[in-house]
Amino acid sequence: MIKIVVGVMGPGDKATTSDINRAYHLGQLIADNGWVLLTGGRNVGVMDAASRGAKMVGGLTIGILPSNDTRAMSDAVDIAIVTDMGNARNSINVLSSDVVIACGMGIGTALAKAKEHCTI
């Protein structure tokens, strides 16, 4: 059975408290529906909050990491994909997701959003 993958994209270090709270709740809702959460995988901001929210209710999480290692990975990521691509990994994030949700705005989110519009 193919699982629906929902990407949640948003700022890391510059995420607001509101961004983080919304991302956490989104992660919970995604997992509650039996969908797989995909984020940028880092241990900061929207990606960490969404992953933690999904894990809180037993969801499966995928992190597409910008670096060539897992040192900055969220503890709530189940499957890490190491890319060494920096923000260019956002192409993977968007193309691998059935649905993409922008939660807040940062440079990486803007790039992912632009890629999303280019592929529709």
PDB file of N, CA and C in Angstrom:
ATOM      1  N   MET A   1       0.838  -1.187   0.000  1.00  0.00           N
ATOM      2  CA  MET A   1       0.000   0.000   0.000  1.00  0.00           C
ATOM      3  C   MET A   1       0.880   1.246   0.000  1.00  0.00           C
ATOM      4  N   ILE A   2       0.672   2.116  -0.947  1.00  0.00           N
ATOM      5  CA  ILE A   2       1.445   3.344  -1.043  1.00  0.00           C
ATOM      6  C   ILE A   2       0.968   4.333   0.006  1.00  0.00           C
ATOM      7  N   LYS A   3       1.905   4.930   0.713  1.00  0.00           N
ATOM      8  CA  LYS A   3       1.596   5.921   1.746  1.00  0.00           C
ATOM      9  C   LYS A   3       1.624   7.317   1.141  1.00  0.00           C
ATOM     10  N   ILE A   4       0.771   8.183   1.627  1.00  0.00           N
ATOM     11  CA  ILE A   4       0.784   9.584   1.237  1.00  0.00           C
ATOM     12  C   ILE A   4       1.893  10.272   2.010  1.00  0.00           C
ATOM     13  N   VAL A   5       2.736  11.012   1.287  1.00  0.00           N
ATOM     14  CA  VAL A   5       3.841  11.751   1.896  1.00  0.00           C
ATOM     15  C   VAL A   5       3.484  13.228   1.891  1.00  0.00           C
ATOM     16  N   VAL A   6       3.500  13.823   3.086  1.00  0.00           N
ATOM     17  CA  VAL A   6       3.195  15.240   3.226  1.00  0.00           C
ATOM     18  C   VAL A   6       4.462  15.968   3.659  1.00  0.00           C
ATOM     19  N   GLY A   7       4.906  16.894   2.824  1.00  0.00           N
ATOM     20  CA  GLY A   7       6.081  17.693   3.134  1.00  0.00           C
ATOM     21  C   GLY A   7       5.687  18.948   3.880  1.00  0.00           C
ATOM     22  N   VAL A   8       6.372  19.212   4.974  1.00  0.00           N
ATOM     23  CA  VAL A   8       6.178  20.460   5.711  1.00  0.00           C
ATOM     24  C   VAL A   8       7.497  21.215   5.634  1.00  0.00           C
ATOM     25  N   MET A   9       7.449  22.376   4.992  1.00  0.00           N
ATOM     26  CA  MET A   9       8.635  23.188   4.784  1.00  0.00           C
ATOM     27  C   MET A   9       8.481  24.502   5.536  1.00  0.00           C
ATOM     28  N   GLY A  10       9.586  24.989   6.073  1.00  0.00           N
ATOM     29  CA  GLY A  10       9.561  26.258   6.787  1.00  0.00           C
ATOM     30  C   GLY A  10      10.929  26.601   7.311  1.00  0.00           C
ATOM     31  N   PRO A  11      11.031  27.767   7.939  1.00  0.00           N
ATOM     32  CA  PRO A  11      12.324  28.238   8.410  1.00  0.00           C
ATOM     33  C   PRO A  11      12.910  27.364   9.521  1.00  0.00           C
ATOM     34  N   GLY A  12      14.218  27.359   9.573  1.00  0.00           N
ATOM     35  CA  GLY A  12      14.942  26.657  10.627  1.00  0.00           C
ATOM     36  C   GLY A  12      15.246  27.608  11.766  1.00  0.00           C
ATOM     37  N   ASP A  13      16.430  28.189  11.741  1.00  0.00           N
ATOM     38  CA  ASP A  13      16.883  29.066  12.820  1.00  0.00           C
ATOM     39  C   ASP A  13      16.005  30.295  13.015  1.00  0.00           C
ATOM     40  N   LYS A  14      15.353  30.759  11.976  1.00  0.00           N
ATOM     41  CA  LYS A  14      14.566  31.992  12.059  1.00  0.00           C
ATOM     42  C   LYS A  14      13.068  31.749  12.214  1.00  0.00           C
ATOM     43  N   ALA A  15      12.696  30.539  12.578  1.00  0.00           N
ATOM     44  CA  ALA A  15      11.278  30.228  12.797  1.00  0.00           C
ATOM     45  C   ALA A  15      10.757  30.995  14.003  1.00  0.00           C
ATOM     46  N   THR A  16       9.549  31.492  13.884  1.00  0.00           N
ATOM     47  CA  THR A  16       8.914  32.178  15.005  1.00  0.00           C
ATOM     48  C   THR A  16       8.250  31.150  15.922  1.00  0.00           C
ATOM     49  N   THR A  17       7.873  31.598  17.089  1.00  0.00           N
ATOM     50  CA  THR A  17       7.154  30.717  18.014  1.00  0.00           C
ATOM     51  C   THR A  17       5.859  30.228  17.377  1.00  0.00           C
ATOM     52  N   SER A  18       5.201  31.099  16.652  1.00  0.00           N
ATOM     53  CA  SER A  18       3.964  30.733  15.962  1.00  0.00           C
ATOM     54  C   SER A  18       4.235  29.664  14.897  1.00  0.00           C
ATOM     55  N   ASP A  19       5.312  29.832  14.114  1.00  0.00           N
ATOM     56  CA  ASP A  19       5.694  28.834  13.112  1.00  0.00           C
ATOM     57  C   ASP A  19       5.902  27.473  13.771  1.00  0.00           C
ATOM     58  N   ILE A  20       6.613  27.471  14.866  1.00  0.00           N
ATOM     59  CA  ILE A  20       6.948  26.220  15.567  1.00  0.00           C
ATOM     60  C   ILE A  20       5.686  25.548  16.110  1.00  0.00           C
ATOM     61  N   ASN A  21       4.803  26.328  16.718  1.00  0.00           N
ATOM     62  CA  ASN A  21       3.561  25.759  17.261  1.00  0.00           C
ATOM     63  C   ASN A  21       2.687  25.185  16.153  1.00  0.00           C
ATOM     64  N   ARG A  22       2.573  25.898  15.045  1.00  0.00           N
ATOM     65  CA  ARG A  22       1.777  25.403  13.918  1.00  0.00           C
ATOM     66  C   ARG A  22       2.385  24.137  13.321  1.00  0.00           C
ATOM     67  N   ALA A  23       3.709  24.118  13.192  1.00  0.00           N
ATOM     68  CA  ALA A  23       4.387  22.952  12.621  1.00  0.00           C
ATOM     69  C   ALA A  23       4.197  21.720  13.501  1.00  0.00           C
ATOM     70  N   TYR A  24       4.289  21.896  14.796  1.00  0.00           N
ATOM     71  CA  TYR A  24       4.090  20.781  15.721  1.00  0.00           C
ATOM     72  C   TYR A  24       2.688  20.196  15.540  1.00  0.00           C
ATOM     73  N   HIS A  25       1.697  21.079  15.495  1.00  0.00           N
ATOM     74  CA  HIS A  25       0.312  20.646  15.320  1.00  0.00           C
ATOM     75  C   HIS A  25       0.117  19.979  13.953  1.00  0.00           C
ATOM     76  N   LEU A  26       0.713  20.551  12.902  1.00  0.00           N
ATOM     77  CA  LEU A  26       0.643  19.932  11.572  1.00  0.00           C
ATOM     78  C   LEU A  26       1.209  18.521  11.599  1.00  0.00           C
ATOM     79  N   GLY A  27       2.361  18.355  12.244  1.00  0.00           N
ATOM     80  CA  GLY A  27       2.966  17.030  12.359  1.00  0.00           C
ATOM     81  C   GLY A  27       2.027  16.034  13.009  1.00  0.00           C
ATOM     82  N   GLN A  28       1.352  16.465  14.066  1.00  0.00           N
ATOM     83  CA  GLN A  28       0.379  15.596  14.737  1.00  0.00           C
ATOM     84  C   GLN A  28      -0.770  15.219  13.806  1.00  0.00           C
ATOM     85  N   LEU A  29      -1.309  16.215  13.110  1.00  0.00           N
ATOM     86  CA  LEU A  29      -2.436  15.954  12.207  1.00  0.00           C
ATOM     87  C   LEU A  29      -2.044  15.013  11.073  1.00  0.00           C
ATOM     88  N   ILE A  30      -0.842  15.208  10.538  1.00  0.00           N
ATOM     89  CA  ILE A  30      -0.359  14.345   9.452  1.00  0.00           C
ATOM     90  C   ILE A  30      -0.263  12.903   9.930  1.00  0.00           C
ATOM     91  N   ALA A  31       0.354  12.706  11.085  1.00  0.00           N
ATOM     92  CA  ALA A  31       0.506  11.353  11.628  1.00  0.00           C
ATOM     93  C   ALA A  31      -0.836  10.744  12.011  1.00  0.00           C
ATOM     94  N   ASP A  32      -1.727  11.551  12.572  1.00  0.00           N
ATOM     95  CA  ASP A  32      -3.061  11.059  12.955  1.00  0.00           C
ATOM     96  C   ASP A  32      -3.820  10.502  11.755  1.00  0.00           C
ATOM     97  N   ASN A  33      -3.546  11.035  10.573  1.00  0.00           N
ATOM     98  CA  ASN A  33      -4.213  10.571   9.357  1.00  0.00           C
ATOM     99  C   ASN A  33      -3.500   9.397   8.703  1.00  0.00           C
ATOM    100  N   GLY A  34      -2.405   8.939   9.312  1.00  0.00           N
ATOM    101  CA  GLY A  34      -1.666   7.799   8.766  1.00  0.00           C
ATOM    102  C   GLY A  34      -0.736   8.168   7.618  1.00  0.00           C
ATOM    103  N   TRP A  35      -0.497   9.465   7.424  1.00  0.00           N
ATOM    104  CA  TRP A  35       0.389   9.917   6.357  1.00  0.00           C
ATOM    105  C   TRP A  35       1.820   9.975   6.861  1.00  0.00           C
ATOM    106  N   VAL A  36       2.772   9.991   5.957  1.00  0.00           N
ATOM    107  CA  VAL A  36       4.190  10.082   6.281  1.00  0.00           C
ATOM    108  C   VAL A  36       4.600  11.549   6.204  1.00  0.00           C
ATOM    109  N   LEU A  37       5.337  12.016   7.195  1.00  0.00           N
ATOM    110  CA  LEU A  37       5.827  13.395   7.222  1.00  0.00           C
ATOM    111  C   LEU A  37       7.220  13.463   6.608  1.00  0.00           C
ATOM    112  N   LEU A  38       7.427  14.418   5.721  1.00  0.00           N
ATOM    113  CA  LEU A  38       8.739  14.676   5.139  1.00  0.00           C
ATOM    114  C   LEU A  38       9.107  16.121   5.436  1.00  0.00           C
ATOM    115  N   THR A  39      10.316  16.329   5.973  1.00  0.00           N
ATOM    116  CA  THR A  39      10.810  17.679   6.273  1.00  0.00           C
ATOM    117  C   THR A  39      12.262  17.786   5.819  1.00  0.00           C
ATOM    118  N   GLY A  40      12.836  18.955   6.090  1.00  0.00           N
ATOM    119  CA  GLY A  40      14.254  19.172   5.821  1.00  0.00           C
ATOM    120  C   GLY A  40      15.155  18.461   6.812  1.00  0.00           C
ATOM    121  N   GLY A  41      14.579  17.855   7.842  1.00  0.00           N
ATOM    122  CA  GLY A  41      15.292  16.943   8.722  1.00  0.00           C
ATOM    123  C   GLY A  41      16.159  17.520   9.819  1.00  0.00           C
ATOM    124  N   ARG A  42      16.373  18.835   9.820  1.00  0.00           N
ATOM    125  CA  ARG A  42      17.280  19.410  10.830  1.00  0.00           C
ATOM    126  C   ARG A  42      16.622  19.511  12.200  1.00  0.00           C
ATOM    127  N   ASN A  43      17.444  19.775  13.221  1.00  0.00           N
ATOM    128  CA  ASN A  43      16.978  19.818  14.605  1.00  0.00           C
ATOM    129  C   ASN A  43      16.603  21.230  15.057  1.00  0.00           C
ATOM    130  N   VAL A  44      16.120  22.040  14.134  1.00  0.00           N
ATOM    131  CA  VAL A  44      15.716  23.407  14.447  1.00  0.00           C
ATOM    132  C   VAL A  44      14.412  23.757  13.742  1.00  0.00           C
ATOM    133  N   GLY A  45      13.718  24.742  14.282  1.00  0.00           N
ATOM    134  CA  GLY A  45      12.589  25.369  13.622  1.00  0.00           C
ATOM    135  C   GLY A  45      11.446  24.459  13.246  1.00  0.00           C
ATOM    136  N   VAL A  46      10.856  24.774  12.084  1.00  0.00           N
ATOM    137  CA  VAL A  46       9.663  24.088  11.595  1.00  0.00           C
ATOM    138  C   VAL A  46       9.911  22.605  11.380  1.00  0.00           C
ATOM    139  N   MET A  47      11.076  22.253  10.812  1.00  0.00           N
ATOM    140  CA  MET A  47      11.327  20.842  10.516  1.00  0.00           C
ATOM    141  C   MET A  47      11.392  19.998  11.786  1.00  0.00           C
ATOM    142  N   ASP A  48      12.024  20.515  12.831  1.00  0.00           N
ATOM    143  CA  ASP A  48      12.105  19.781  14.091  1.00  0.00           C
ATOM    144  C   ASP A  48      10.731  19.702  14.758  1.00  0.00           C
ATOM    145  N   ALA A  49      10.018  20.824  14.774  1.00  0.00           N
ATOM    146  CA  ALA A  49       8.705  20.857  15.430  1.00  0.00           C
ATOM    147  C   ALA A  49       7.715  19.911  14.752  1.00  0.00           C
ATOM    148  N   ALA A  50       7.665  19.930  13.428  1.00  0.00           N
ATOM    149  CA  ALA A  50       6.748  19.039  12.712  1.00  0.00           C
ATOM    150  C   ALA A  50       7.103  17.577  12.985  1.00  0.00           C
ATOM    151  N   SER A  51       8.390  17.268  12.959  1.00  0.00           N
ATOM    152  CA  SER A  51       8.821  15.891  13.221  1.00  0.00           C
ATOM    153  C   SER A  51       8.459  15.457  14.635  1.00  0.00           C
ATOM    154  N   ARG A  52       8.669  16.337  15.596  1.00  0.00           N
ATOM    155  CA  ARG A  52       8.329  16.008  16.988  1.00  0.00           C
ATOM    156  C   ARG A  52       6.821  15.810  17.161  1.00  0.00           C
ATOM    157  N   GLY A  53       6.044  16.655  16.498  1.00  0.00           N
ATOM    158  CA  GLY A  53       4.590  16.505  16.569  1.00  0.00           C
ATOM    159  C   GLY A  53       4.140  15.166  16.010  1.00  0.00           C
ATOM    160  N   ALA A  54       4.707  14.786  14.866  1.00  0.00           N
ATOM    161  CA  ALA A  54       4.350  13.494  14.256  1.00  0.00           C
ATOM    162  C   ALA A  54       4.769  12.332  15.151  1.00  0.00           C
ATOM    163  N   LYS A  55       5.964  12.411  15.711  1.00  0.00           N
ATOM    164  CA  LYS A  55       6.450  11.325  16.569  1.00  0.00           C
ATOM    165  C   LYS A  55       5.620  11.198  17.840  1.00  0.00           C
ATOM    166  N   MET A  56       5.101  12.328  18.337  1.00  0.00           N
ATOM    167  CA  MET A  56       4.306  12.315  19.571  1.00  0.00           C
ATOM    168  C   MET A  56       3.082  11.406  19.427  1.00  0.00           C
ATOM    169  N   VAL A  57       2.570  11.279  18.202  1.00  0.00           N
ATOM    170  CA  VAL A  57       1.397  10.429  17.989  1.00  0.00           C
ATOM    171  C   VAL A  57       1.733   9.178  17.178  1.00  0.00           C
ATOM    172  N   GLY A  58       3.022   8.818  17.139  1.00  0.00           N
ATOM    173  CA  GLY A  58       3.432   7.558  16.531  1.00  0.00           C
ATOM    174  C   GLY A  58       3.604   7.571  15.030  1.00  0.00           C
ATOM    175  N   GLY A  59       3.789   8.755  14.429  1.00  0.00           N
ATOM    176  CA  GLY A  59       3.940   8.848  12.979  1.00  0.00           C
ATOM    177  C   GLY A  59       5.321   8.496  12.478  1.00  0.00           C
ATOM    178  N   LEU A  60       5.411   8.309  11.171  1.00  0.00           N
ATOM    179  CA  LEU A  60       6.673   8.021  10.486  1.00  0.00           C
ATOM    180  C   LEU A  60       7.203   9.322   9.892  1.00  0.00           C
ATOM    181  N   THR A  61       8.497   9.606  10.130  1.00  0.00           N
ATOM    182  CA  THR A  61       9.094  10.858   9.676  1.00  0.00           C
ATOM    183  C   THR A  61      10.320  10.610   8.810  1.00  0.00           C
ATOM    184  N   ILE A  62      10.437  11.416   7.760  1.00  0.00           N
ATOM    185  CA  ILE A  62      11.582  11.372   6.852  1.00  0.00           C
ATOM    186  C   ILE A  62      12.231  12.747   6.876  1.00  0.00           C
ATOM    187  N   GLY A  63      13.546  12.775   6.957  1.00  0.00           N
ATOM    188  CA  GLY A  63      14.286  14.033   6.919  1.00  0.00           C
ATOM    189  C   GLY A  63      15.260  14.041   5.754  1.00  0.00           C
ATOM    190  N   ILE A  64      15.104  15.019   4.860  1.00  0.00           N
ATOM    191  CA  ILE A  64      16.010  15.193   3.727  1.00  0.00           C
ATOM    192  C   ILE A  64      17.048  16.225   4.161  1.00  0.00           C
ATOM    193  N   LEU A  65      18.209  15.755   4.559  1.00  0.00           N
ATOM    194  CA  LEU A  65      19.215  16.616   5.184  1.00  0.00           C
ATOM    195  C   LEU A  65      20.072  17.368   4.166  1.00  0.00           C
ATOM    196  N   PRO A  66      20.435  18.617   4.485  1.00  0.00           N
ATOM    197  CA  PRO A  66      21.222  19.425   3.558  1.00  0.00           C
ATOM    198  C   PRO A  66      22.701  19.070   3.527  1.00  0.00           C
ATOM    199  N   SER A  67      23.187  18.422   4.570  1.00  0.00           N
ATOM    200  CA  SER A  67      24.627  18.162   4.690  1.00  0.00           C
ATOM    201  C   SER A  67      24.973  16.719   4.320  1.00  0.00           C
ATOM    202  N   ASN A  68      26.232  16.380   4.539  1.00  0.00           N
ATOM    203  CA  ASN A  68      26.683  15.024   4.222  1.00  0.00           C
ATOM    204  C   ASN A  68      26.780  14.145   5.470  1.00  0.00           C
ATOM    205  N   ASP A  69      26.125  14.572   6.567  1.00  0.00           N
ATOM    206  CA  ASP A  69      26.111  13.772   7.794  1.00  0.00           C
ATOM    207  C   ASP A  69      24.808  14.035   8.554  1.00  0.00           C
ATOM    208  N   THR A  70      24.656  13.383   9.677  1.00  0.00           N
ATOM    209  CA  THR A  70      23.415  13.492  10.450  1.00  0.00           C
ATOM    210  C   THR A  70      23.598  14.239  11.776  1.00  0.00           C
ATOM    211  N   ARG A  71      24.692  14.961  11.927  1.00  0.00           N
ATOM    212  CA  ARG A  71      24.935  15.646  13.208  1.00  0.00           C
ATOM    213  C   ARG A  71      23.862  16.666  13.569  1.00  0.00           C
ATOM    214  N   ALA A  72      23.288  17.349  12.611  1.00  0.00           N
ATOM    215  CA  ALA A  72      22.274  18.384  12.883  1.00  0.00           C
ATOM    216  C   ALA A  72      20.853  17.861  12.668  1.00  0.00           C
ATOM    217  N   MET A  73      20.690  16.541  12.664  1.00  0.00           N
ATOM    218  CA  MET A  73      19.385  15.926  12.408  1.00  0.00           C
ATOM    219  C   MET A  73      18.501  15.972  13.656  1.00  0.00           C
ATOM    220  N   SER A  74      17.219  16.169  13.456  1.00  0.00           N
ATOM    221  CA  SER A  74      16.242  16.105  14.542  1.00  0.00           C
ATOM    222  C   SER A  74      16.210  14.690  15.115  1.00  0.00           C
ATOM    223  N   ASP A  75      16.095  14.608  16.422  1.00  0.00           N
ATOM    224  CA  ASP A  75      15.950  13.305  17.088  1.00  0.00           C
ATOM    225  C   ASP A  75      14.647  12.618  16.697  1.00  0.00           C
ATOM    226  N   ALA A  76      13.716  13.369  16.131  1.00  0.00           N
ATOM    227  CA  ALA A  76      12.411  12.829  15.780  1.00  0.00           C
ATOM    228  C   ALA A  76      12.333  12.339  14.325  1.00  0.00           C
ATOM    229  N   VAL A  77      13.456  12.290  13.643  1.00  0.00           N
ATOM    230  CA  VAL A  77      13.490  11.778  12.265  1.00  0.00           C
ATOM    231  C   VAL A  77      13.747  10.280  12.297  1.00  0.00           C
ATOM    232  N   ASP A  78      12.886   9.512  11.631  1.00  0.00           N
ATOM    233  CA  ASP A  78      13.049   8.060  11.550  1.00  0.00           C
ATOM    234  C   ASP A  78      13.962   7.649  10.400  1.00  0.00           C
ATOM    235  N   ILE A  79      13.768   8.280   9.261  1.00  0.00           N
ATOM    236  CA  ILE A  79      14.539   7.937   8.063  1.00  0.00           C
ATOM    237  C   ILE A  79      15.271   9.185   7.598  1.00  0.00           C
ATOM    238  N   ALA A  80      16.592   9.135   7.652  1.00  0.00           N
ATOM    239  CA  ALA A  80      17.408  10.273   7.230  1.00  0.00           C
ATOM    240  C   ALA A  80      17.936  10.020   5.822  1.00  0.00           C
ATOM    241  N   ILE A  81      17.792  11.023   4.966  1.00  0.00           N
ATOM    242  CA  ILE A  81      18.373  10.968   3.633  1.00  0.00           C
ATOM    243  C   ILE A  81      19.395  12.093   3.560  1.00  0.00           C
ATOM    244  N   VAL A  82      20.652  11.712   3.498  1.00  0.00           N
ATOM    245  CA  VAL A  82      21.773  12.647   3.499  1.00  0.00           C
ATOM    246  C   VAL A  82      22.049  13.065   2.058  1.00  0.00           C
ATOM    247  N   THR A  83      22.095  14.391   1.796  1.00  0.00           N
ATOM    248  CA  THR A  83      22.220  14.839   0.410  1.00  0.00           C
ATOM    249  C   THR A  83      23.503  15.611   0.081  1.00  0.00           C
ATOM    250  N   ASP A  84      24.064  16.337   1.035  1.00  0.00           N
ATOM    251  CA  ASP A  84      25.206  17.234   0.782  1.00  0.00           C
ATOM    252  C   ASP A  84      24.869  18.242  -0.323  1.00  0.00           C
ATOM    253  N   MET A  85      23.594  18.684  -0.352  1.00  0.00           N
ATOM    254  CA  MET A  85      23.111  19.592  -1.398  1.00  0.00           C
ATOM    255  C   MET A  85      22.695  20.961  -0.881  1.00  0.00           C
ATOM    256  N   GLY A  86      22.786  21.209   0.426  1.00  0.00           N
ATOM    257  CA  GLY A  86      22.325  22.484   0.957  1.00  0.00           C
ATOM    258  C   GLY A  86      20.855  22.697   0.640  1.00  0.00           C
ATOM    259  N   ASN A  87      20.487  23.953   0.320  1.00  0.00           N
ATOM    260  CA  ASN A  87      19.086  24.256   0.004  1.00  0.00           C
ATOM    261  C   ASN A  87      18.630  23.626  -1.300  1.00  0.00           C
ATOM    262  N   ALA A  88      19.553  23.157  -2.123  1.00  0.00           N
ATOM    263  CA  ALA A  88      19.160  22.482  -3.368  1.00  0.00           C
ATOM    264  C   ALA A  88      18.373  21.205  -3.080  1.00  0.00           C
ATOM    265  N   ARG A  89      18.471  20.701  -1.856  1.00  0.00           N
ATOM    266  CA  ARG A  89      17.707  19.501  -1.481  1.00  0.00           C
ATOM    267  C   ARG A  89      16.214  19.743  -1.528  1.00  0.00           C
ATOM    268  N   ASN A  90      15.818  21.007  -1.563  1.00  0.00           N
ATOM    269  CA  ASN A  90      14.389  21.315  -1.582  1.00  0.00           C
ATOM    270  C   ASN A  90      13.691  20.757  -2.815  1.00  0.00           C
ATOM    271  N   SER A  91      14.442  20.550  -3.879  1.00  0.00           N
ATOM    272  CA  SER A  91      13.860  19.878  -5.053  1.00  0.00           C
ATOM    273  C   SER A  91      13.425  18.471  -4.675  1.00  0.00           C
ATOM    274  N   ILE A  92      14.251  17.787  -3.911  1.00  0.00           N
ATOM    275  CA  ILE A  92      13.917  16.438  -3.447  1.00  0.00           C
ATOM    276  C   ILE A  92      12.692  16.498  -2.532  1.00  0.00           C
ATOM    277  N   ASN A  93      12.688  17.473  -1.617  1.00  0.00           N
ATOM    278  CA  ASN A  93      11.567  17.612  -0.679  1.00  0.00           C
ATOM    279  C   ASN A  93      10.248  17.743  -1.419  1.00  0.00           C
ATOM    280  N   VAL A  94      10.206  18.640  -2.387  1.00  0.00           N
ATOM    281  CA  VAL A  94       8.963  18.927  -3.102  1.00  0.00           C
ATOM    282  C   VAL A  94       8.581  17.783  -4.031  1.00  0.00           C
ATOM    283  N   LEU A  95       9.542  17.272  -4.780  1.00  0.00           N
ATOM    284  CA  LEU A  95       9.231  16.217  -5.751  1.00  0.00           C
ATOM    285  C   LEU A  95       8.879  14.892  -5.090  1.00  0.00           C
ATOM    286  N   SER A  96       9.306  14.694  -3.852  1.00  0.00           N
ATOM    287  CA  SER A  96       9.030  13.446  -3.138  1.00  0.00           C
ATOM    288  C   SER A  96       7.747  13.508  -2.313  1.00  0.00           C
ATOM    289  N   SER A  97       7.120  14.668  -2.251  1.00  0.00           N
ATOM    290  CA  SER A  97       5.912  14.858  -1.453  1.00  0.00           C
ATOM    291  C   SER A  97       4.675  14.859  -2.344  1.00  0.00           C
ATOM    292  N   ASP A  98       3.615  14.243  -1.850  1.00  0.00           N
ATOM    293  CA  ASP A  98       2.332  14.303  -2.533  1.00  0.00           C
ATOM    294  C   ASP A  98       1.649  15.646  -2.284  1.00  0.00           C
ATOM    295  N   VAL A  99       1.897  16.200  -1.111  1.00  0.00           N
ATOM    296  CA  VAL A  99       1.356  17.486  -0.691  1.00  0.00           C
ATOM    297  C   VAL A  99       2.495  18.244  -0.028  1.00  0.00           C
ATOM    298  N   VAL A 100       2.592  19.556  -0.278  1.00  0.00           N
ATOM    299  CA  VAL A 100       3.604  20.387   0.374  1.00  0.00           C
ATOM    300  C   VAL A 100       2.900  21.514   1.115  1.00  0.00           C
ATOM    301  N   ILE A 101       3.258  21.681   2.379  1.00  0.00           N
ATOM    302  CA  ILE A 101       2.697  22.753   3.198  1.00  0.00           C
ATOM    303  C   ILE A 101       3.841  23.669   3.609  1.00  0.00           C
ATOM    304  N   ALA A 102       3.723  24.961   3.292  1.00  0.00           N
ATOM    305  CA  ALA A 102       4.684  25.960   3.745  1.00  0.00           C
ATOM    306  C   ALA A 102       4.190  26.493   5.077  1.00  0.00           C
ATOM    307  N   CYS A 103       5.028  26.374   6.082  1.00  0.00           N
ATOM    308  CA  CYS A 103       4.681  26.812   7.438  1.00  0.00           C
ATOM    309  C   CYS A 103       5.705  27.864   7.846  1.00  0.00           C
ATOM    310  N   GLY A 104       5.368  29.136   7.671  1.00  0.00           N
ATOM    311  CA  GLY A 104       6.331  30.207   7.866  1.00  0.00           C
ATOM    312  C   GLY A 104       7.102  30.413   6.578  1.00  0.00           C
ATOM    313  N   MET A 105       8.063  31.316   6.605  1.00  0.00           N
ATOM    314  CA  MET A 105       8.814  31.601   5.384  1.00  0.00           C
ATOM    315  C   MET A 105      10.282  31.865   5.712  1.00  0.00           C
ATOM    316  N   GLY A 106      11.139  31.184   4.983  1.00  0.00           N
ATOM    317  CA  GLY A 106      12.577  31.380   5.035  1.00  0.00           C
ATOM    318  C   GLY A 106      13.110  31.194   3.629  1.00  0.00           C
ATOM    319  N   ILE A 107      14.400  31.370   3.428  1.00  0.00           N
ATOM    320  CA  ILE A 107      14.987  31.259   2.090  1.00  0.00           C
ATOM    321  C   ILE A 107      14.775  29.868   1.504  1.00  0.00           C
ATOM    322  N   GLY A 108      14.975  28.826   2.296  1.00  0.00           N
ATOM    323  CA  GLY A 108      14.780  27.461   1.802  1.00  0.00           C
ATOM    324  C   GLY A 108      13.326  27.191   1.456  1.00  0.00           C
ATOM    325  N   THR A 109      12.415  27.717   2.270  1.00  0.00           N
ATOM    326  CA  THR A 109      10.992  27.553   2.003  1.00  0.00           C
ATOM    327  C   THR A 109      10.614  28.251   0.706  1.00  0.00           C
ATOM    328  N   ALA A 110      11.155  29.446   0.509  1.00  0.00           N
ATOM    329  CA  ALA A 110      10.868  30.197  -0.721  1.00  0.00           C
ATOM    330  C   ALA A 110      11.370  29.432  -1.938  1.00  0.00           C
ATOM    331  N   LEU A 111      12.548  28.827  -1.842  1.00  0.00           N
ATOM    332  CA  LEU A 111      13.082  28.041  -2.950  1.00  0.00           C
ATOM    333  C   LEU A 111      12.215  26.815  -3.211  1.00  0.00           C
ATOM    334  N   ALA A 112      11.775  26.156  -2.151  1.00  0.00           N
ATOM    335  CA  ALA A 112      10.906  24.987  -2.312  1.00  0.00           C
ATOM    336  C   ALA A 112       9.580  25.402  -2.932  1.00  0.00           C
ATOM    337  N   LYS A 113       9.046  26.528  -2.514  1.00  0.00           N
ATOM    338  CA  LYS A 113       7.777  27.022  -3.044  1.00  0.00           C
ATOM    339  C   LYS A 113       7.922  27.353  -4.528  1.00  0.00           C
ATOM    340  N   ALA A 114       9.045  27.974  -4.900  1.00  0.00           N
ATOM    341  CA  ALA A 114       9.278  28.292  -6.306  1.00  0.00           C
ATOM    342  C   ALA A 114       9.371  27.012  -7.124  1.00  0.00           C
ATOM    343  N   LYS A 115      10.048  26.010  -6.600  1.00  0.00           N
ATOM    344  CA  LYS A 115      10.179  24.729  -7.299  1.00  0.00           C
ATOM    345  C   LYS A 115       8.817  24.076  -7.456  1.00  0.00           C
ATOM    346  N   GLU A 116       7.993  24.180  -6.418  1.00  0.00           N
ATOM    347  CA  GLU A 116       6.644  23.591  -6.473  1.00  0.00           C
ATOM    348  C   GLU A 116       5.847  24.225  -7.613  1.00  0.00           C
ATOM    349  N   HIS A 117       5.915  25.520  -7.747  1.00  0.00           N
ATOM    350  CA  HIS A 117       5.159  26.193  -8.814  1.00  0.00           C
ATOM    351  C   HIS A 117       5.706  25.857 -10.187  1.00  0.00           C
ATOM    352  N   CYS A 118       6.974  25.596 -10.274  1.00  0.00           N
ATOM    353  CA  CYS A 118       7.565  25.266 -11.565  1.00  0.00           C
ATOM    354  C   CYS A 118       7.206  23.866 -12.024  1.00  0.00           C
ATOM    355  N   THR A 119       6.845  22.976 -11.125  1.00  0.00           N
ATOM    356  CA  THR A 119       6.581  21.595 -11.499  1.00  0.00           C
ATOM    357  C   THR A 119       5.113  21.281 -11.686  1.00  0.00           C
ATOM    358  N   ILE A 120       4.242  22.220 -11.385  1.00  0.00           N
ATOM    359  CA  ILE A 120       2.804  21.957 -11.518  1.00  0.00           C
ATOM    360  C   ILE A 120       2.385  22.046 -12.956  1.00  0.00           C
TER     361      ILE A 120
END
